[in-house]
């Protein structure tokens, strides 16, 4: 079983504090803050990182499903928009909207949409976020 880790350090109080996140691979180390999470400040935020993880996981899962079905996907581009809002006075991730566009020669639109839906339901990140509503818009290109 593979294990991956990342780390975060926070210094100070919520609104005037600051933090750093670092991926275990060392490929990303960056700042985050109250402003980057709840306003328009510089730096990343947990929701943006979840979105990147979800988009990457979904794209790989879709590529795998398409390959298993005999297709040769040329490119899958996915965007994940993570919504953070207040629910009963608590900040909550209220939804994730996936939007994917793929170049898959020889596939019918209906088959592509069916496989994209299967990837949305079965990628490991979707499963980890099962308590959050996840929507999908799937488009074929080229």
N, C-alpha and C. Protein backbone atom coordinates (compact mmCIF):
# COMPACT_ATOMS: atom_id res chain seq x y z
N UNK A 1 0.85 -1.18 0.00
CA UNK A 1 0.00 0.00 0.00
C UNK A 1 0.89 1.24 0.00
N UNK A 2 0.64 2.12 -0.96
CA UNK A 2 1.40 3.37 -1.05
C UNK A 2 0.89 4.36 -0.01
N UNK A 3 1.81 5.07 0.57
CA UNK A 3 1.47 6.16 1.48
C UNK A 3 2.14 7.41 0.97
N UNK A 4 1.40 8.49 0.93
CA UNK A 4 1.92 9.79 0.51
C UNK A 4 1.72 10.76 1.66
N UNK A 5 2.63 11.70 1.79
CA UNK A 5 2.42 12.67 2.86
C UNK A 5 2.78 14.07 2.39
N UNK A 6 2.13 14.98 3.01
CA UNK A 6 2.41 16.40 2.85
C UNK A 6 2.43 16.99 4.24
N UNK A 7 2.89 18.20 4.36
CA UNK A 7 2.93 18.81 5.68
C UNK A 7 2.53 20.27 5.60
N UNK A 8 2.06 20.76 6.72
CA UNK A 8 1.68 22.17 6.83
C UNK A 8 2.11 22.69 8.19
N UNK A 9 2.53 23.94 8.20
CA UNK A 9 2.88 24.63 9.43
C UNK A 9 2.09 25.93 9.45
N UNK A 10 1.46 26.22 10.58
CA UNK A 10 0.71 27.47 10.75
C UNK A 10 1.32 28.22 11.92
N UNK A 11 1.53 29.52 11.74
CA UNK A 11 2.08 30.36 12.81
C UNK A 11 1.14 31.52 13.04
N UNK A 12 0.71 31.67 14.29
CA UNK A 12 -0.12 32.81 14.65
C UNK A 12 -1.59 32.49 14.73
N UNK A 13 -2.35 33.55 14.92
CA UNK A 13 -3.80 33.44 15.01
C UNK A 13 -4.38 33.27 13.61
N UNK A 14 -5.67 32.98 13.55
CA UNK A 14 -6.30 32.69 12.27
C UNK A 14 -6.18 33.83 11.27
N UNK A 15 -6.66 35.02 11.62
CA UNK A 15 -6.74 36.09 10.63
C UNK A 15 -5.42 36.76 10.31
N UNK A 16 -4.48 36.79 11.24
CA UNK A 16 -3.22 37.46 10.93
C UNK A 16 -2.04 36.49 10.89
N UNK A 17 -2.32 35.22 11.01
CA UNK A 17 -1.27 34.22 10.95
C UNK A 17 -0.89 33.90 9.51
N UNK A 18 0.06 32.99 9.38
CA UNK A 18 0.47 32.57 8.04
C UNK A 18 0.98 31.14 8.12
N UNK A 19 0.93 30.48 7.00
CA UNK A 19 1.35 29.10 6.98
C UNK A 19 2.12 28.75 5.72
N UNK A 20 2.68 27.56 5.74
CA UNK A 20 3.38 27.00 4.58
C UNK A 20 2.92 25.56 4.44
N UNK A 21 2.71 25.14 3.20
CA UNK A 21 2.42 23.75 2.91
C UNK A 21 3.55 23.21 2.04
N UNK A 22 3.82 21.93 2.20
CA UNK A 22 4.90 21.31 1.44
C UNK A 22 4.47 19.90 1.07
N UNK A 23 4.62 19.58 -0.20
CA UNK A 23 4.35 18.22 -0.65
C UNK A 23 5.52 17.32 -0.26
N UNK A 24 5.21 16.08 0.04
CA UNK A 24 6.24 15.13 0.42
C UNK A 24 7.31 14.95 -0.65
N UNK A 25 6.94 15.12 -1.91
CA UNK A 25 7.89 14.98 -3.01
C UNK A 25 8.86 16.15 -3.07
N UNK A 26 8.53 17.24 -2.39
CA UNK A 26 9.35 18.43 -2.42
C UNK A 26 9.13 19.31 -3.65
N UNK A 27 8.22 18.89 -4.53
CA UNK A 27 7.99 19.64 -5.77
C UNK A 27 7.20 20.93 -5.56
N UNK A 28 6.53 21.05 -4.42
CA UNK A 28 5.77 22.27 -4.14
C UNK A 28 5.93 22.61 -2.67
N UNK A 29 6.30 23.85 -2.43
CA UNK A 29 6.30 24.41 -1.09
C UNK A 29 5.86 25.85 -1.25
N UNK A 30 4.76 26.20 -0.60
CA UNK A 30 4.20 27.53 -0.81
C UNK A 30 3.45 28.01 0.43
N UNK A 31 3.10 29.28 0.39
CA UNK A 31 2.41 29.93 1.50
C UNK A 31 0.91 29.77 1.41
N UNK A 32 0.25 29.85 2.57
CA UNK A 32 -1.20 29.99 2.62
C UNK A 32 -1.55 30.85 3.81
N UNK A 33 -2.72 31.46 3.77
CA UNK A 33 -3.11 32.40 4.82
C UNK A 33 -4.63 32.51 4.85
N UNK A 34 -5.12 33.23 5.84
CA UNK A 34 -6.55 33.53 5.90
C UNK A 34 -6.97 34.25 4.63
N UNK A 35 -6.14 35.21 4.21
CA UNK A 35 -6.47 36.01 3.02
C UNK A 35 -6.51 35.15 1.76
N UNK A 36 -5.58 34.19 1.63
CA UNK A 36 -5.59 33.35 0.42
C UNK A 36 -6.72 32.34 0.44
N UNK A 37 -7.26 32.09 1.61
CA UNK A 37 -8.34 31.11 1.71
C UNK A 37 -9.72 31.76 1.65
N UNK A 38 -9.91 32.86 2.35
CA UNK A 38 -11.24 33.44 2.47
C UNK A 38 -11.41 34.76 1.74
N UNK A 39 -10.31 35.32 1.24
CA UNK A 39 -10.38 36.59 0.53
C UNK A 39 -9.65 36.41 -0.80
N UNK A 40 -8.87 37.37 -1.22
CA UNK A 40 -8.15 37.28 -2.49
C UNK A 40 -6.65 37.48 -2.31
N UNK A 41 -6.11 37.01 -1.21
CA UNK A 41 -4.69 37.17 -0.94
C UNK A 41 -3.83 36.20 -1.73
N UNK A 42 -2.54 36.47 -1.75
CA UNK A 42 -1.58 35.61 -2.46
C UNK A 42 -1.36 34.33 -1.67
N UNK A 43 -1.03 33.28 -2.39
CA UNK A 43 -0.77 31.99 -1.77
C UNK A 43 -1.86 31.00 -2.15
N UNK A 44 -1.70 29.79 -1.68
CA UNK A 44 -2.66 28.74 -1.98
C UNK A 44 -3.64 28.60 -0.82
N UNK A 45 -4.43 27.55 -0.84
CA UNK A 45 -5.35 27.24 0.23
C UNK A 45 -5.72 25.77 0.16
N UNK A 46 -6.23 25.21 1.22
CA UNK A 46 -6.56 23.78 1.22
C UNK A 46 -7.53 23.38 0.11
N UNK A 47 -8.50 24.23 -0.18
CA UNK A 47 -9.50 23.87 -1.20
C UNK A 47 -8.87 23.80 -2.59
N UNK A 48 -7.95 24.70 -2.87
CA UNK A 48 -7.25 24.68 -4.16
C UNK A 48 -6.42 23.40 -4.30
N UNK A 49 -5.79 22.98 -3.22
CA UNK A 49 -4.99 21.76 -3.25
C UNK A 49 -5.88 20.53 -3.40
N UNK A 50 -7.03 20.53 -2.74
CA UNK A 50 -8.00 19.43 -2.91
C UNK A 50 -8.46 19.39 -4.36
N UNK A 51 -8.73 20.56 -4.94
CA UNK A 51 -9.17 20.63 -6.34
C UNK A 51 -8.12 20.06 -7.28
N UNK A 52 -6.86 20.39 -7.06
CA UNK A 52 -5.79 19.87 -7.92
C UNK A 52 -5.69 18.35 -7.78
N UNK A 53 -5.79 17.86 -6.56
CA UNK A 53 -5.74 16.42 -6.33
C UNK A 53 -6.91 15.72 -7.00
N UNK A 54 -8.09 16.30 -6.89
CA UNK A 54 -9.28 15.69 -7.47
C UNK A 54 -9.22 15.69 -8.99
N UNK A 55 -8.82 16.80 -9.58
CA UNK A 55 -8.72 16.88 -11.05
C UNK A 55 -7.71 15.87 -11.57
N UNK A 56 -6.58 15.75 -10.91
CA UNK A 56 -5.56 14.79 -11.33
C UNK A 56 -6.02 13.36 -11.19
N UNK A 57 -6.64 13.04 -10.08
CA UNK A 57 -7.12 11.68 -9.83
C UNK A 57 -8.21 11.30 -10.84
N UNK A 58 -9.16 12.20 -11.05
CA UNK A 58 -10.25 11.93 -12.00
C UNK A 58 -9.70 11.70 -13.40
N UNK A 59 -8.78 12.55 -13.85
CA UNK A 59 -8.22 12.41 -15.20
C UNK A 59 -7.54 11.06 -15.38
N UNK A 60 -6.79 10.64 -14.38
CA UNK A 60 -6.11 9.34 -14.46
C UNK A 60 -7.12 8.19 -14.45
N UNK A 61 -8.15 8.30 -13.62
CA UNK A 61 -9.17 7.25 -13.55
C UNK A 61 -9.90 7.14 -14.88
N UNK A 62 -10.23 8.28 -15.49
CA UNK A 62 -10.91 8.26 -16.78
C UNK A 62 -10.03 7.66 -17.86
N UNK A 63 -8.75 8.01 -17.87
CA UNK A 63 -7.82 7.43 -18.85
C UNK A 63 -7.78 5.91 -18.70
N UNK A 64 -7.76 5.44 -17.47
CA UNK A 64 -7.72 4.00 -17.22
C UNK A 64 -8.99 3.31 -17.72
N UNK A 65 -10.13 3.87 -17.41
CA UNK A 65 -11.40 3.28 -17.85
C UNK A 65 -11.46 3.25 -19.37
N UNK A 66 -11.09 4.35 -20.01
CA UNK A 66 -11.13 4.40 -21.47
C UNK A 66 -10.20 3.36 -22.08
N UNK A 67 -9.00 3.22 -21.52
CA UNK A 67 -8.05 2.23 -22.02
C UNK A 67 -8.61 0.81 -21.86
N UNK A 68 -9.20 0.54 -20.69
CA UNK A 68 -9.78 -0.78 -20.45
C UNK A 68 -10.92 -1.09 -21.43
N UNK A 69 -11.58 -0.06 -21.92
CA UNK A 69 -12.68 -0.23 -22.87
C UNK A 69 -12.19 -0.22 -24.32
N UNK A 70 -10.88 -0.16 -24.52
CA UNK A 70 -10.31 -0.26 -25.86
C UNK A 70 -10.08 1.06 -26.58
N UNK A 71 -10.20 2.17 -25.87
CA UNK A 71 -9.98 3.48 -26.47
C UNK A 71 -8.55 3.95 -26.19
N UNK A 72 -8.10 4.91 -26.99
CA UNK A 72 -6.76 5.47 -26.84
C UNK A 72 -6.89 6.97 -26.58
N UNK A 73 -7.11 7.36 -25.32
CA UNK A 73 -7.28 8.79 -25.03
C UNK A 73 -6.00 9.56 -25.32
N UNK A 74 -6.14 10.66 -26.06
CA UNK A 74 -4.97 11.48 -26.40
C UNK A 74 -4.71 12.54 -25.34
N UNK A 75 -5.79 13.12 -24.81
CA UNK A 75 -5.63 14.15 -23.78
C UNK A 75 -6.91 14.26 -22.98
N UNK A 76 -6.76 14.39 -21.68
CA UNK A 76 -7.89 14.64 -20.77
C UNK A 76 -7.50 15.84 -19.92
N UNK A 77 -8.29 16.88 -20.00
CA UNK A 77 -8.02 18.10 -19.24
C UNK A 77 -9.19 18.32 -18.29
N UNK A 78 -8.91 18.39 -17.01
CA UNK A 78 -9.99 18.49 -16.01
C UNK A 78 -9.74 19.66 -15.08
N UNK A 79 -10.80 20.39 -14.79
CA UNK A 79 -10.78 21.48 -13.82
C UNK A 79 -11.71 21.09 -12.68
N UNK A 80 -11.30 21.34 -11.45
CA UNK A 80 -12.15 21.09 -10.29
C UNK A 80 -12.36 22.42 -9.56
N UNK A 81 -13.60 22.81 -9.43
CA UNK A 81 -13.93 24.03 -8.71
C UNK A 81 -14.53 23.63 -7.36
N UNK A 82 -13.80 23.94 -6.30
CA UNK A 82 -14.18 23.56 -4.95
C UNK A 82 -14.86 24.76 -4.29
N UNK A 83 -16.08 24.55 -3.80
CA UNK A 83 -16.84 25.62 -3.15
C UNK A 83 -16.73 25.51 -1.63
N UNK A 84 -16.39 26.61 -1.00
CA UNK A 84 -16.29 26.70 0.45
C UNK A 84 -17.32 27.71 0.92
N UNK A 85 -18.21 27.30 1.80
CA UNK A 85 -19.23 28.21 2.28
C UNK A 85 -19.57 27.91 3.73
N UNK A 86 -20.41 28.77 4.28
CA UNK A 86 -20.86 28.56 5.65
C UNK A 86 -22.14 27.75 5.67
N UNK A 87 -22.13 26.71 6.49
CA UNK A 87 -23.32 25.89 6.71
C UNK A 87 -23.52 25.83 8.21
N UNK A 88 -24.65 26.36 8.65
CA UNK A 88 -24.96 26.42 10.08
C UNK A 88 -23.82 27.03 10.89
N UNK A 89 -23.25 28.12 10.35
CA UNK A 89 -22.21 28.85 11.05
C UNK A 89 -20.82 28.26 10.98
N UNK A 90 -20.65 27.16 10.25
CA UNK A 90 -19.35 26.50 10.13
C UNK A 90 -18.91 26.50 8.67
N UNK A 91 -17.62 26.77 8.42
CA UNK A 91 -17.12 26.69 7.06
C UNK A 91 -17.07 25.23 6.64
N UNK A 92 -17.59 24.97 5.44
CA UNK A 92 -17.74 23.62 4.92
C UNK A 92 -17.46 23.62 3.43
N UNK A 93 -16.80 22.57 2.94
CA UNK A 93 -16.72 22.38 1.50
C UNK A 93 -18.10 21.91 1.06
N UNK A 94 -18.78 22.74 0.31
CA UNK A 94 -20.18 22.47 -0.03
C UNK A 94 -20.35 21.76 -1.37
N UNK A 95 -19.31 21.71 -2.17
CA UNK A 95 -19.43 21.01 -3.44
C UNK A 95 -18.16 21.11 -4.25
N UNK A 96 -18.05 20.20 -5.20
CA UNK A 96 -16.93 20.20 -6.14
C UNK A 96 -17.52 19.99 -7.52
N UNK A 97 -17.25 20.92 -8.42
CA UNK A 97 -17.71 20.81 -9.80
C UNK A 97 -16.53 20.44 -10.68
N UNK A 98 -16.60 19.25 -11.25
CA UNK A 98 -15.58 18.80 -12.18
C UNK A 98 -16.01 19.15 -13.60
N UNK A 99 -15.10 19.64 -14.38
CA UNK A 99 -15.33 19.93 -15.79
C UNK A 99 -14.17 19.33 -16.56
N UNK A 100 -14.48 18.39 -17.45
CA UNK A 100 -13.42 17.71 -18.17
C UNK A 100 -13.66 17.78 -19.66
N UNK A 101 -12.58 17.88 -20.40
CA UNK A 101 -12.63 17.86 -21.86
C UNK A 101 -11.58 16.86 -22.30
N UNK A 102 -11.97 15.98 -23.21
CA UNK A 102 -11.05 14.92 -23.62
C UNK A 102 -11.06 14.73 -25.12
N UNK A 103 -9.90 14.35 -25.63
CA UNK A 103 -9.74 13.98 -27.02
C UNK A 103 -9.59 12.45 -27.04
N UNK A 104 -10.65 11.77 -27.48
CA UNK A 104 -10.68 10.31 -27.48
C UNK A 104 -11.21 9.86 -28.84
N UNK A 105 -10.34 9.52 -29.76
CA UNK A 105 -10.78 9.11 -31.09
C UNK A 105 -11.72 7.90 -31.05
N UNK A 106 -12.78 7.97 -31.85
CA UNK A 106 -13.65 6.83 -32.05
C UNK A 106 -14.68 6.55 -30.98
N UNK A 107 -14.84 7.43 -30.00
CA UNK A 107 -15.82 7.16 -28.95
C UNK A 107 -17.09 7.96 -29.18
N UNK A 108 -18.22 7.36 -28.92
CA UNK A 108 -19.51 8.05 -29.01
C UNK A 108 -19.68 8.93 -27.77
N UNK A 109 -20.36 10.05 -27.95
CA UNK A 109 -20.58 11.00 -26.86
C UNK A 109 -21.20 10.32 -25.64
N UNK A 110 -22.21 9.50 -25.86
CA UNK A 110 -22.91 8.84 -24.76
C UNK A 110 -21.97 7.89 -24.00
N UNK A 111 -21.14 7.16 -24.74
CA UNK A 111 -20.19 6.25 -24.09
C UNK A 111 -19.17 7.03 -23.28
N UNK A 112 -18.69 8.14 -23.84
CA UNK A 112 -17.73 8.96 -23.13
C UNK A 112 -18.33 9.48 -21.83
N UNK A 113 -19.54 9.99 -21.90
CA UNK A 113 -20.20 10.53 -20.70
C UNK A 113 -20.39 9.44 -19.64
N UNK A 114 -20.73 8.24 -20.07
CA UNK A 114 -20.90 7.13 -19.14
C UNK A 114 -19.57 6.78 -18.46
N UNK A 115 -18.50 6.74 -19.21
CA UNK A 115 -17.19 6.43 -18.64
C UNK A 115 -16.70 7.56 -17.72
N UNK A 116 -16.99 8.80 -18.10
CA UNK A 116 -16.61 9.94 -17.26
C UNK A 116 -17.36 9.88 -15.92
N UNK A 117 -18.61 9.53 -15.97
CA UNK A 117 -19.40 9.41 -14.73
C UNK A 117 -18.83 8.30 -13.84
N UNK A 118 -18.43 7.18 -14.46
CA UNK A 118 -17.82 6.09 -13.69
C UNK A 118 -16.52 6.55 -13.04
N UNK A 119 -15.72 7.34 -13.75
CA UNK A 119 -14.48 7.86 -13.18
C UNK A 119 -14.78 8.79 -12.01
N UNK A 120 -15.81 9.61 -12.15
CA UNK A 120 -16.18 10.53 -11.06
C UNK A 120 -16.57 9.75 -9.81
N UNK A 121 -17.30 8.67 -9.99
CA UNK A 121 -17.77 7.88 -8.85
C UNK A 121 -16.67 7.04 -8.22
N UNK A 122 -15.67 6.64 -9.01
CA UNK A 122 -14.74 5.63 -8.54
C UNK A 122 -13.30 6.07 -8.35
N UNK A 123 -12.93 7.31 -8.71
CA UNK A 123 -11.54 7.69 -8.45
C UNK A 123 -11.35 7.80 -6.93
N UNK A 124 -10.18 7.44 -6.44
CA UNK A 124 -9.95 7.43 -4.99
C UNK A 124 -10.24 8.76 -4.29
N UNK A 125 -9.97 9.88 -4.94
CA UNK A 125 -10.24 11.16 -4.29
C UNK A 125 -11.75 11.40 -4.20
N UNK A 126 -12.51 11.05 -5.23
CA UNK A 126 -13.97 11.16 -5.14
C UNK A 126 -14.50 10.32 -3.98
N UNK A 127 -13.97 9.12 -3.85
CA UNK A 127 -14.41 8.25 -2.75
C UNK A 127 -14.07 8.87 -1.40
N UNK A 128 -12.90 9.48 -1.29
CA UNK A 128 -12.50 10.11 -0.03
C UNK A 128 -13.39 11.30 0.30
N UNK A 129 -13.92 11.94 -0.73
CA UNK A 129 -14.76 13.13 -0.54
C UNK A 129 -16.24 12.80 -0.69
N UNK A 130 -16.62 11.57 -0.44
CA UNK A 130 -17.98 11.10 -0.69
C UNK A 130 -19.05 11.90 0.04
N UNK A 131 -18.72 12.58 1.12
CA UNK A 131 -19.70 13.37 1.85
C UNK A 131 -19.98 14.72 1.19
N UNK A 132 -19.30 15.02 0.08
CA UNK A 132 -19.46 16.28 -0.62
C UNK A 132 -20.14 16.04 -1.95
N UNK A 133 -21.06 16.92 -2.31
CA UNK A 133 -21.70 16.80 -3.63
C UNK A 133 -20.68 17.10 -4.71
N UNK A 134 -20.55 16.17 -5.66
CA UNK A 134 -19.61 16.32 -6.77
C UNK A 134 -20.40 16.28 -8.06
N UNK A 135 -20.28 17.32 -8.88
CA UNK A 135 -20.94 17.34 -10.17
C UNK A 135 -19.89 17.18 -11.27
N UNK A 136 -20.37 16.87 -12.49
CA UNK A 136 -19.47 16.64 -13.60
C UNK A 136 -20.07 17.18 -14.88
N UNK A 137 -19.25 17.88 -15.65
CA UNK A 137 -19.56 18.27 -17.02
C UNK A 137 -18.46 17.67 -17.89
N UNK A 138 -18.84 16.79 -18.83
CA UNK A 138 -17.86 16.09 -19.64
C UNK A 138 -18.06 16.47 -21.10
N UNK A 139 -16.98 16.88 -21.77
CA UNK A 139 -17.02 17.33 -23.16
C UNK A 139 -15.94 16.62 -23.96
N UNK A 140 -16.31 16.17 -25.15
CA UNK A 140 -15.34 15.60 -26.08
C UNK A 140 -14.81 16.72 -26.97
N UNK A 141 -13.53 16.68 -27.26
CA UNK A 141 -12.93 17.64 -28.19
C UNK A 141 -12.29 16.89 -29.34
N UNK A 142 -11.92 17.66 -30.36
CA UNK A 142 -11.16 17.13 -31.48
C UNK A 142 -11.74 15.89 -32.00
